[in-house]
PDB file of N, CA and C in Angstrom:
ATOM      1  N   MET A   1      33.320 234.304 -12.303  1.00  0.00           N
ATOM      2  CA  MET A   1      33.203 232.891 -12.016  1.00  0.00           C
ATOM      3  C   MET A   1      32.914 232.430 -10.788  1.00  0.00           C
ATOM      4  N   ALA A   2      33.817 233.256  -9.521  1.00  0.00           N
ATOM      5  CA  ALA A   2      33.225 232.483  -7.810  1.00  0.00           C
ATOM      6  C   ALA A   2      32.000 232.580  -7.955  1.00  0.00           C
ATOM      7  N   ARG A   3      30.766 233.413  -8.342  1.00  0.00           N
ATOM      8  CA  ARG A   3      29.490 233.109  -7.858  1.00  0.00           C
ATOM      9  C   ARG A   3      29.113 232.176  -8.721  1.00  0.00           C
ATOM     10  N   LEU A   4      29.626 231.613  -9.876  1.00  0.00           N
ATOM     11  CA  LEU A   4      28.821 230.454 -10.892  1.00  0.00           C
ATOM     12  C   LEU A   4      29.087 229.483  -9.967  1.00  0.00           C
ATOM     13  N   GLU A   5      30.447 229.399  -9.446  1.00  0.00           N
ATOM     14  CA  GLU A   5      31.249 228.231  -9.276  1.00  0.00           C
ATOM     15  C   GLU A   5      30.418 228.092  -7.885  1.00  0.00           C
ATOM     16  N   GLU A   6      29.958 228.978  -6.764  1.00  0.00           N
ATOM     17  CA  GLU A   6      29.358 229.047  -5.315  1.00  0.00           C
ATOM     18  C   GLU A   6      28.341 228.574  -6.228  1.00  0.00           C
ATOM     19  N   ALA A   7      27.283 228.994  -6.871  1.00  0.00           N
ATOM     20  CA  ALA A   7      25.839 228.606  -7.443  1.00  0.00           C
ATOM     21  C   ALA A   7      26.056 227.191  -7.817  1.00  0.00           C
ATOM     22  N   GLY A   8      27.141 226.366  -7.913  1.00  0.00           N
ATOM     23  CA  GLY A   8      27.148 224.990  -8.826  1.00  0.00           C
ATOM     24  C   GLY A   8      26.222 225.212 -10.619  1.00  0.00           C
ATOM     25  N   ILE A   9      27.132 226.522 -10.878  1.00  0.00           N
ATOM     26  CA  ILE A   9      26.929 226.404 -12.206  1.00  0.00           C
ATOM     27  C   ILE A   9      28.169 226.056 -13.188  1.00  0.00           C
ATOM     28  N   ALA A  10      28.015 224.923 -14.061  1.00  0.00           N
ATOM     29  CA  ALA A  10      29.506 224.621 -14.535  1.00  0.00           C
ATOM     30  C   ALA A  10      29.610 225.881 -15.777  1.00  0.00           C
ATOM     31  N   CYS A  11      31.106 225.994 -15.659  1.00  0.00           N
ATOM     32  CA  CYS A  11      31.532 227.043 -16.050  1.00  0.00           C
ATOM     33  C   CYS A  11      32.807 226.840 -16.554  1.00  0.00           C
ATOM     34  N   ALA A  12      33.538 228.297 -17.383  1.00  0.00           N
ATOM     35  CA  ALA A  12      35.395 227.848 -17.832  1.00  0.00           C
ATOM     36  C   ALA A  12      35.482 229.002 -18.018  1.00  0.00           C
ATOM     37  N   ARG A  13      36.447 229.500 -18.052  1.00  0.00           N
ATOM     38  CA  ARG A  13      37.413 230.691 -17.963  1.00  0.00           C
ATOM     39  C   ARG A  13      37.768 230.544 -19.398  1.00  0.00           C
ATOM     40  N   LEU A  14      37.313 231.558 -20.591  1.00  0.00           N
ATOM     41  CA  LEU A  14      37.428 231.516 -21.626  1.00  0.00           C
ATOM     42  C   LEU A  14      39.280 231.837 -22.096  1.00  0.00           C
ATOM     43  N   ARG A  15      40.334 231.082 -22.610  1.00  0.00           N
ATOM     44  CA  ARG A  15      41.358 231.026 -23.071  1.00  0.00           C
ATOM     45  C   ARG A  15      41.593 231.826 -24.334  1.00  0.00           C
ATOM     46  N   ASP A  16      43.040 232.623 -24.432  1.00  0.00           N
ATOM     47  CA  ASP A  16      43.405 232.770 -26.122  1.00  0.00           C
ATOM     48  C   ASP A  16      44.773 232.312 -25.999  1.00  0.00           C
ATOM     49  N   VAL A  17      44.819 231.958 -26.983  1.00  0.00           N
ATOM     50  CA  VAL A  17      46.048 231.354 -27.717  1.00  0.00           C
ATOM     51  C   VAL A  17      47.131 231.294 -26.868  1.00  0.00           C
ATOM     52  N   HIS A  18      47.757 232.584 -26.119  1.00  0.00           N
ATOM     53  CA  HIS A  18      48.796 232.523 -25.221  1.00  0.00           C
ATOM     54  C   HIS A  18      48.289 232.067 -24.047  1.00  0.00           C
ATOM     55  N   ASP A  19      46.970 231.898 -23.737  1.00  0.00           N
ATOM     56  CA  ASP A  19      47.099 230.780 -22.071  1.00  0.00           C
ATOM     57  C   ASP A  19      47.433 229.412 -22.667  1.00  0.00           C
ATOM     58  N   LEU A  20      46.897 229.030 -23.782  1.00  0.00           N
ATOM     59  CA  LEU A  20      47.006 227.841 -23.932  1.00  0.00           C
ATOM     60  C   LEU A  20      48.708 227.295 -24.077  1.00  0.00           C
ATOM     61  N   ALA A  21      49.580 228.238 -25.024  1.00  0.00           N
ATOM     62  CA  ALA A  21      50.738 227.948 -24.717  1.00  0.00           C
ATOM     63  C   ALA A  21      51.837 228.049 -23.447  1.00  0.00           C
ATOM     64  N   GLU A  22      50.584 228.825 -22.519  1.00  0.00           N
ATOM     65  CA  GLU A  22      51.339 228.436 -21.362  1.00  0.00           C
ATOM     66  C   GLU A  22      50.383 227.476 -20.199  1.00  0.00           C
ATOM     67  N   GLN A  23      50.062 226.523 -20.837  1.00  0.00           N
ATOM     68  CA  GLN A  23      49.151 225.494 -19.945  1.00  0.00           C
ATOM     69  C   GLN A  23      50.018 224.712 -19.667  1.00  0.00           C
ATOM     70  N   PRO A  24      50.369 224.316 -18.217  1.00  0.00           N
ATOM     71  CA  PRO A  24      51.157 223.615 -17.630  1.00  0.00           C
ATOM     72  C   PRO A  24      51.170 222.172 -17.547  1.00  0.00           C
ATOM     73  N   GLN A  25      49.774 221.615 -18.019  1.00  0.00           N
ATOM     74  CA  GLN A  25      49.737 220.203 -18.308  1.00  0.00           C
ATOM     75  C   GLN A  25      50.452 220.249 -19.492  1.00  0.00           C
ATOM     76  N   LEU A  26      50.507 220.879 -20.442  1.00  0.00           N
ATOM     77  CA  LEU A  26      50.898 220.247 -22.185  1.00  0.00           C
ATOM     78  C   LEU A  26      52.393 220.012 -21.518  1.00  0.00           C
ATOM     79  N   ALA A  27      52.784 220.925 -20.755  1.00  0.00           N
ATOM     80  CA  ALA A  27      54.589 220.779 -20.376  1.00  0.00           C
ATOM     81  C   ALA A  27      54.916 219.436 -19.681  1.00  0.00           C
ATOM     82  N   ALA A  28      53.823 219.756 -18.887  1.00  0.00           N
ATOM     83  CA  ALA A  28      53.895 218.199 -18.046  1.00  0.00           C
ATOM     84  C   ALA A  28      53.880 217.236 -18.341  1.00  0.00           C
ATOM     85  N   ARG A  29      52.694 217.086 -19.213  1.00  0.00           N
ATOM     86  CA  ARG A  29      52.688 215.891 -20.358  1.00  0.00           C
ATOM     87  C   ARG A  29      53.359 215.549 -21.358  1.00  0.00           C
ATOM     88  N   GLU A  30      54.715 216.395 -21.303  1.00  0.00           N
ATOM     89  CA  GLU A  30      55.322 216.480 -22.695  1.00  0.00           C
ATOM     90  C   GLU A  30      54.985 216.447 -24.279  1.00  0.00           C
ATOM     91  N   ARG A  31      53.854 217.564 -24.012  1.00  0.00           N
ATOM     92  CA  ARG A  31      53.391 217.546 -25.389  1.00  0.00           C
ATOM     93  C   ARG A  31      53.774 218.421 -26.643  1.00  0.00           C
ATOM     94  N   TRP A  32      54.606 218.867 -26.237  1.00  0.00           N
ATOM     95  CA  TRP A  32      55.339 219.888 -27.222  1.00  0.00           C
ATOM     96  C   TRP A  32      56.644 219.269 -27.824  1.00  0.00           C
ATOM     97  N   ARG A  33      56.553 219.868 -29.122  1.00  0.00           N
ATOM     98  CA  ARG A  33      58.154 219.303 -29.776  1.00  0.00           C
ATOM     99  C   ARG A  33      58.719 220.559 -30.578  1.00  0.00           C
ATOM    100  N   ARG A  34      59.453 220.291 -30.957  1.00  0.00           N
ATOM    101  CA  ARG A  34      60.320 221.344 -32.071  1.00  0.00           C
ATOM    102  C   ARG A  34      60.065 221.033 -33.089  1.00  0.00           C
ATOM    103  N   VAL A  35      59.994 221.499 -34.048  1.00  0.00           N
ATOM    104  CA  VAL A  35      59.674 221.587 -35.530  1.00  0.00           C
ATOM    105  C   VAL A  35      60.337 222.257 -36.741  1.00  0.00           C
ATOM    106  N   GLY A  36      60.895 222.152 -37.229  1.00  0.00           N
ATOM    107  CA  GLY A  36      61.182 222.746 -38.594  1.00  0.00           C
ATOM    108  C   GLY A  36      60.334 223.844 -39.587  1.00  0.00           C
ATOM    109  N   SER A  37      60.748 225.301 -39.831  1.00  0.00           N
ATOM    110  CA  SER A  37      60.217 225.753 -40.557  1.00  0.00           C
ATOM    111  C   SER A  37      60.765 227.201 -41.766  1.00  0.00           C
ATOM    112  N   PRO A  38      60.373 227.105 -42.614  1.00  0.00           N
ATOM    113  CA  PRO A  38      60.461 228.519 -43.115  1.00  0.00           C
ATOM    114  C   PRO A  38      61.155 229.663 -42.326  1.00  0.00           C
ATOM    115  N   ALA A  39      60.874 229.668 -41.029  1.00  0.00           N
ATOM    116  CA  ALA A  39      61.299 230.899 -40.604  1.00  0.00           C
ATOM    117  C   ALA A  39      61.552 230.421 -39.072  1.00  0.00           C
ATOM    118  N   GLY A  40      62.010 229.274 -39.452  1.00  0.00           N
ATOM    119  CA  GLY A  40      63.126 228.680 -38.264  1.00  0.00           C
ATOM    120  C   GLY A  40      62.427 227.535 -37.141  1.00  0.00           C
ATOM    121  N   PRO A  41      63.195 227.139 -36.427  1.00  0.00           N
ATOM    122  CA  PRO A  41      62.258 226.235 -35.243  1.00  0.00           C
ATOM    123  C   PRO A  41      60.821 226.698 -34.673  1.00  0.00           C
ATOM    124  N   LEU A  42      59.852 226.019 -34.365  1.00  0.00           N
ATOM    125  CA  LEU A  42      58.680 226.525 -33.615  1.00  0.00           C
ATOM    126  C   LEU A  42      58.656 225.196 -32.962  1.00  0.00           C
ATOM    127  N   ARG A  43      57.520 225.560 -31.819  1.00  0.00           N
ATOM    128  CA  ARG A  43      57.003 224.566 -30.433  1.00  0.00           C
ATOM    129  C   ARG A  43      55.620 224.459 -31.427  1.00  0.00           C
ATOM    130  N   ALA A  44      55.616 222.973 -31.502  1.00  0.00           N
ATOM    131  CA  ALA A  44      54.608 222.595 -32.159  1.00  0.00           C
ATOM    132  C   ALA A  44      53.320 221.535 -30.948  1.00  0.00           C
ATOM    133  N   LEU A  45      52.230 221.476 -30.479  1.00  0.00           N
ATOM    134  CA  LEU A  45      51.535 220.283 -30.085  1.00  0.00           C
ATOM    135  C   LEU A  45      51.789 218.920 -30.673  1.00  0.00           C
ATOM    136  N   LEU A  46      51.770 217.929 -30.082  1.00  0.00           N
ATOM    137  CA  LEU A  46      51.439 216.651 -30.250  1.00  0.00           C
ATOM    138  C   LEU A  46      49.965 216.565 -30.892  1.00  0.00           C
ATOM    139  N   PRO A  47      49.236 215.479 -32.249  1.00  0.00           N
ATOM    140  CA  PRO A  47      47.908 215.441 -32.153  1.00  0.00           C
ATOM    141  C   PRO A  47      47.425 215.028 -30.524  1.00  0.00           C
ATOM    142  N   PRO A  48      46.112 215.293 -30.313  1.00  0.00           N
ATOM    143  CA  PRO A  48      45.480 215.558 -29.393  1.00  0.00           C
ATOM    144  C   PRO A  48      45.562 213.704 -28.635  1.00  0.00           C
ATOM    145  N   LEU A  49      44.894 213.281 -29.784  1.00  0.00           N
ATOM    146  CA  LEU A  49      44.957 211.706 -29.049  1.00  0.00           C
ATOM    147  C   LEU A  49      46.093 210.928 -29.077  1.00  0.00           C
ATOM    148  N   THR A  50      46.948 210.163 -28.599  1.00  0.00           N
ATOM    149  CA  THR A  50      47.703 209.178 -28.626  1.00  0.00           C
ATOM    150  C   THR A  50      47.819 208.314 -27.435  1.00  0.00           C
ATOM    151  N   LEU A  51      47.859 207.232 -27.664  1.00  0.00           N
ATOM    152  CA  LEU A  51      48.137 205.729 -27.129  1.00  0.00           C
ATOM    153  C   LEU A  51      48.609 205.081 -26.354  1.00  0.00           C
ATOM    154  N   PRO A  52      48.863 204.972 -25.114  1.00  0.00           N
ATOM    155  CA  PRO A  52      50.196 204.539 -24.302  1.00  0.00           C
ATOM    156  C   PRO A  52      50.417 203.223 -25.343  1.00  0.00           C
ATOM    157  N   GLY A  53      51.951 203.305 -25.562  1.00  0.00           N
ATOM    158  CA  GLY A  53      52.376 202.117 -25.677  1.00  0.00           C
ATOM    159  C   GLY A  53      52.288 202.198 -27.365  1.00  0.00           C
ATOM    160  N   GLY A  54      51.962 203.607 -27.545  1.00  0.00           N
ATOM    161  CA  GLY A  54      51.639 202.921 -29.565  1.00  0.00           C
ATOM    162  C   GLY A  54      52.851 204.644 -29.929  1.00  0.00           C
ATOM    163  N   GLU A  55      53.085 204.361 -30.994  1.00  0.00           N
ATOM    164  CA  GLU A  55      53.934 205.184 -31.899  1.00  0.00           C
ATOM    165  C   GLU A  55      53.677 206.830 -31.770  1.00  0.00           C
ATOM    166  N   GLU A  56      54.892 207.403 -31.763  1.00  0.00           N
ATOM    167  CA  GLU A  56      54.376 208.612 -31.289  1.00  0.00           C
ATOM    168  C   GLU A  56      54.409 209.344 -32.978  1.00  0.00           C
ATOM    169  N   ALA A  57      53.565 210.007 -32.852  1.00  0.00           N
ATOM    170  CA  ALA A  57      52.859 210.751 -34.323  1.00  0.00           C
ATOM    171  C   ALA A  57      54.207 212.005 -34.825  1.00  0.00           C
ATOM    172  N   ARG A  58      54.406 210.968 -36.408  1.00  0.00           N
ATOM    173  CA  ARG A  58      55.390 211.774 -36.386  1.00  0.00           C
ATOM    174  C   ARG A  58      55.158 213.493 -36.610  1.00  0.00           C
ATOM    175  N   MET A  59      55.784 214.055 -36.683  1.00  0.00           N
ATOM    176  CA  MET A  59      55.888 215.761 -36.496  1.00  0.00           C
ATOM    177  C   MET A  59      56.741 216.400 -36.962  1.00  0.00           C
ATOM    178  N   GLY A  60      56.634 216.345 -38.770  1.00  0.00           N
ATOM    179  CA  GLY A  60      57.354 216.744 -39.647  1.00  0.00           C
ATOM    180  C   GLY A  60      57.415 218.449 -40.061  1.00  0.00           C
ATOM    181  N   GLY A  61      58.591 218.805 -40.428  1.00  0.00           N
ATOM    182  CA  GLY A  61      58.630 220.558 -40.373  1.00  0.00           C
ATOM    183  C   GLY A  61      57.494 221.103 -41.303  1.00  0.00           C
ATOM    184  N   VAL A  62      57.197 222.448 -41.141  1.00  0.00           N
ATOM    185  CA  VAL A  62      55.783 223.069 -41.654  1.00  0.00           C
ATOM    186  C   VAL A  62      56.454 223.135 -42.809  1.00  0.00           C
ATOM    187  N   PRO A  63      55.894 222.971 -44.195  1.00  0.00           N
ATOM    188  CA  PRO A  63      56.083 223.109 -45.451  1.00  0.00           C
ATOM    189  C   PRO A  63      56.723 224.891 -45.891  1.00  0.00           C
ATOM    190  N   ALA A  64      57.863 225.116 -46.700  1.00  0.00           N
ATOM    191  CA  ALA A  64      57.677 226.339 -47.624  1.00  0.00           C
ATOM    192  C   ALA A  64      56.026 226.493 -48.340  1.00  0.00           C
ATOM    193  N   LEU A  65      55.678 227.841 -48.563  1.00  0.00           N
ATOM    194  CA  LEU A  65      54.224 228.394 -49.210  1.00  0.00           C
ATOM    195  C   LEU A  65      54.673 227.955 -50.664  1.00  0.00           C
ATOM    196  N   GLY A  66      54.251 226.974 -51.008  1.00  0.00           N
ATOM    197  CA  GLY A  66      54.434 226.137 -52.571  1.00  0.00           C
ATOM    198  C   GLY A  66      54.966 225.242 -52.762  1.00  0.00           C
ATOM    199  N   GLN A  67      55.839 224.842 -51.753  1.00  0.00           N
ATOM    200  CA  GLN A  67      56.181 223.478 -51.957  1.00  0.00           C
ATOM    201  C   GLN A  67      55.980 222.761 -52.616  1.00  0.00           C
ATOM    202  N   HIS A  68      54.534 222.074 -51.924  1.00  0.00           N
ATOM    203  CA  HIS A  68      53.455 220.576 -52.571  1.00  0.00           C
ATOM    204  C   HIS A  68      52.714 221.649 -53.390  1.00  0.00           C
ATOM    205  N   THR A  69      52.800 222.618 -54.063  1.00  0.00           N
ATOM    206  CA  THR A  69      51.469 223.162 -55.179  1.00  0.00           C
ATOM    207  C   THR A  69      51.617 221.826 -55.657  1.00  0.00           C
ATOM    208  N   GLY A  70      52.805 221.736 -56.945  1.00  0.00           N
ATOM    209  CA  GLY A  70      52.504 220.887 -58.289  1.00  0.00           C
ATOM    210  C   GLY A  70      52.151 219.720 -57.730  1.00  0.00           C
ATOM    211  N   ALA A  71      52.814 218.913 -56.994  1.00  0.00           N
ATOM    212  CA  ALA A  71      52.494 217.436 -56.725  1.00  0.00           C
ATOM    213  C   ALA A  71      50.869 217.615 -56.316  1.00  0.00           C
ATOM    214  N   LEU A  72      50.554 218.635 -55.686  1.00  0.00           N
ATOM    215  CA  LEU A  72      48.842 218.364 -55.536  1.00  0.00           C
ATOM    216  C   LEU A  72      48.003 218.849 -56.540  1.00  0.00           C
ATOM    217  N   LEU A  73      48.884 219.478 -57.382  1.00  0.00           N
ATOM    218  CA  LEU A  73      47.633 219.985 -58.781  1.00  0.00           C
ATOM    219  C   LEU A  73      47.970 218.524 -59.797  1.00  0.00           C
ATOM    220  N   ARG A  74      49.175 218.112 -59.383  1.00  0.00           N
ATOM    221  CA  ARG A  74      48.779 216.637 -60.629  1.00  0.00           C
ATOM    222  C   ARG A  74      48.237 215.452 -60.179  1.00  0.00           C
ATOM    223  N   ALA A  75      48.086 215.733 -58.509  1.00  0.00           N
ATOM    224  CA  ALA A  75      47.037 214.704 -58.134  1.00  0.00           C
ATOM    225  C   ALA A  75      45.975 214.764 -58.156  1.00  0.00           C
ATOM    226  N   ALA A  76      45.976 215.716 -58.293  1.00  0.00           N
ATOM    227  CA  ALA A  76      44.262 216.829 -58.855  1.00  0.00           C
ATOM    228  C   ALA A  76      43.736 216.638 -60.255  1.00  0.00           C
ATOM    229  N   GLY A  77      44.898 215.916 -61.143  1.00  0.00           N
ATOM    230  CA  GLY A  77      44.728 215.905 -62.586  1.00  0.00           C
ATOM    231  C   GLY A  77      45.025 217.167 -63.595  1.00  0.00           C
ATOM    232  N   MET A  78      45.330 217.904 -62.819  1.00  0.00           N
ATOM    233  CA  MET A  78      46.223 219.154 -63.753  1.00  0.00           C
ATOM    234  C   MET A  78      47.221 218.872 -64.394  1.00  0.00           C
ATOM    235  N   THR A  79      47.073 219.360 -65.633  1.00  0.00           N
ATOM    236  CA  THR A  79      48.734 219.227 -66.344  1.00  0.00           C
ATOM    237  C   THR A  79      49.355 220.173 -65.996  1.00  0.00           C
ATOM    238  N   ASP A  80      51.193 219.873 -66.708  1.00  0.00           N
ATOM    239  CA  ASP A  80      51.931 220.853 -66.144  1.00  0.00           C
ATOM    240  C   ASP A  80      51.232 222.518 -66.613  1.00  0.00           C
ATOM    241  N   GLY A  81      50.720 222.385 -67.848  1.00  0.00           N
ATOM    242  CA  GLY A  81      50.699 223.178 -68.537  1.00  0.00           C
ATOM    243  C   GLY A  81      49.658 224.016 -67.920  1.00  0.00           C
ATOM    244  N   GLU A  82      48.596 223.611 -67.408  1.00  0.00           N
ATOM    245  CA  GLU A  82      47.266 224.075 -66.411  1.00  0.00           C
ATOM    246  C   GLU A  82      48.136 225.156 -64.951  1.00  0.00           C
ATOM    247  N   SER A  83      49.260 223.945 -64.238  1.00  0.00           N
ATOM    248  CA  SER A  83      49.454 224.339 -63.252  1.00  0.00           C
ATOM    249  C   SER A  83      50.360 225.645 -63.155  1.00  0.00           C
ATOM    250  N   ALA A  84      50.996 225.691 -64.729  1.00  0.00           N
ATOM    251  CA  ALA A  84      51.759 226.795 -65.014  1.00  0.00           C
ATOM    252  C   ALA A  84      50.994 227.931 -65.495  1.00  0.00           C
ATOM    253  N   ALA A  85      50.002 227.885 -65.586  1.00  0.00           N
ATOM    254  CA  ALA A  85      48.997 229.237 -65.926  1.00  0.00           C
ATOM    255  C   ALA A  85      48.346 229.656 -64.420  1.00  0.00           C
ATOM    256  N   LEU A  86      48.180 228.656 -63.585  1.00  0.00           N
ATOM    257  CA  LEU A  86      47.768 228.632 -61.960  1.00  0.00           C
ATOM    258  C   LEU A  86      49.175 230.002 -61.602  1.00  0.00           C
ATOM    259  N   ARG A  87      49.750 229.192 -61.857  1.00  0.00           N
ATOM    260  CA  ARG A  87      51.101 229.993 -60.914  1.00  0.00           C
ATOM    261  C   ARG A  87      51.024 231.425 -62.001  1.00  0.00           C
ATOM    262  N   ARG A  88      51.408 231.258 -63.375  1.00  0.00           N
ATOM    263  CA  ARG A  88      51.313 232.945 -63.414  1.00  0.00           C
ATOM    264  C   ARG A  88      50.467 233.947 -63.620  1.00  0.00           C
ATOM    265  N   ASP A  89      48.983 233.186 -63.158  1.00  0.00           N
ATOM    266  CA  ASP A  89      47.552 234.088 -62.803  1.00  0.00           C
ATOM    267  C   ASP A  89      48.008 234.709 -61.376  1.00  0.00           C
ATOM    268  N   GLY A  90      48.653 233.834 -60.539  1.00  0.00           N
ATOM    269  CA  GLY A  90      48.644 234.008 -59.596  1.00  0.00           C
ATOM    270  C   GLY A  90      47.655 233.373 -58.370  1.00  0.00           C
ATOM    271  N   ALA A  91      47.119 232.425 -58.803  1.00  0.00           N
ATOM    272  CA  ALA A  91      46.173 231.499 -58.146  1.00  0.00           C
ATOM    273  C   ALA A  91      46.777 230.832 -57.006  1.00  0.00           C
ATOM    274  N   VAL A  92      48.029 230.634 -57.489  1.00  0.00           N
ATOM    275  CA  VAL A  92      48.648 229.042 -56.489  1.00  0.00           C
ATOM    276  C   VAL A  92      49.943 230.443 -56.310  1.00  0.00           C
ATOM    277  N   ALA A  93      50.956 229.347 -55.475  1.00  0.00           N
ATOM    278  CA  ALA A  93      51.720 229.516 -54.967  1.00  0.00           C
ATOM    279  C   ALA A  93      52.907 228.357 -55.255  1.00  0.00           C
TER     280      ALA A  93
END
């Protein structure tokens, strides 16, 4: 990295998820929120774009597996019988 920087070549360090979670600017800019989940409370990031003076993004909880499956299948035009068959066959939760 030092040699690249000394040579004036654009570069950056490759970061992993742990590095992202520990990024000090995210805490300094108050980007973390607590949300509920079936496994308990989790830290979640606000969406990347927020406008000054605008409403804060709604940060709902993480849904349980299959929580919205029925509604989504109905919205896609499936009957209750068709969605029950998918559940029975293990195709959906």
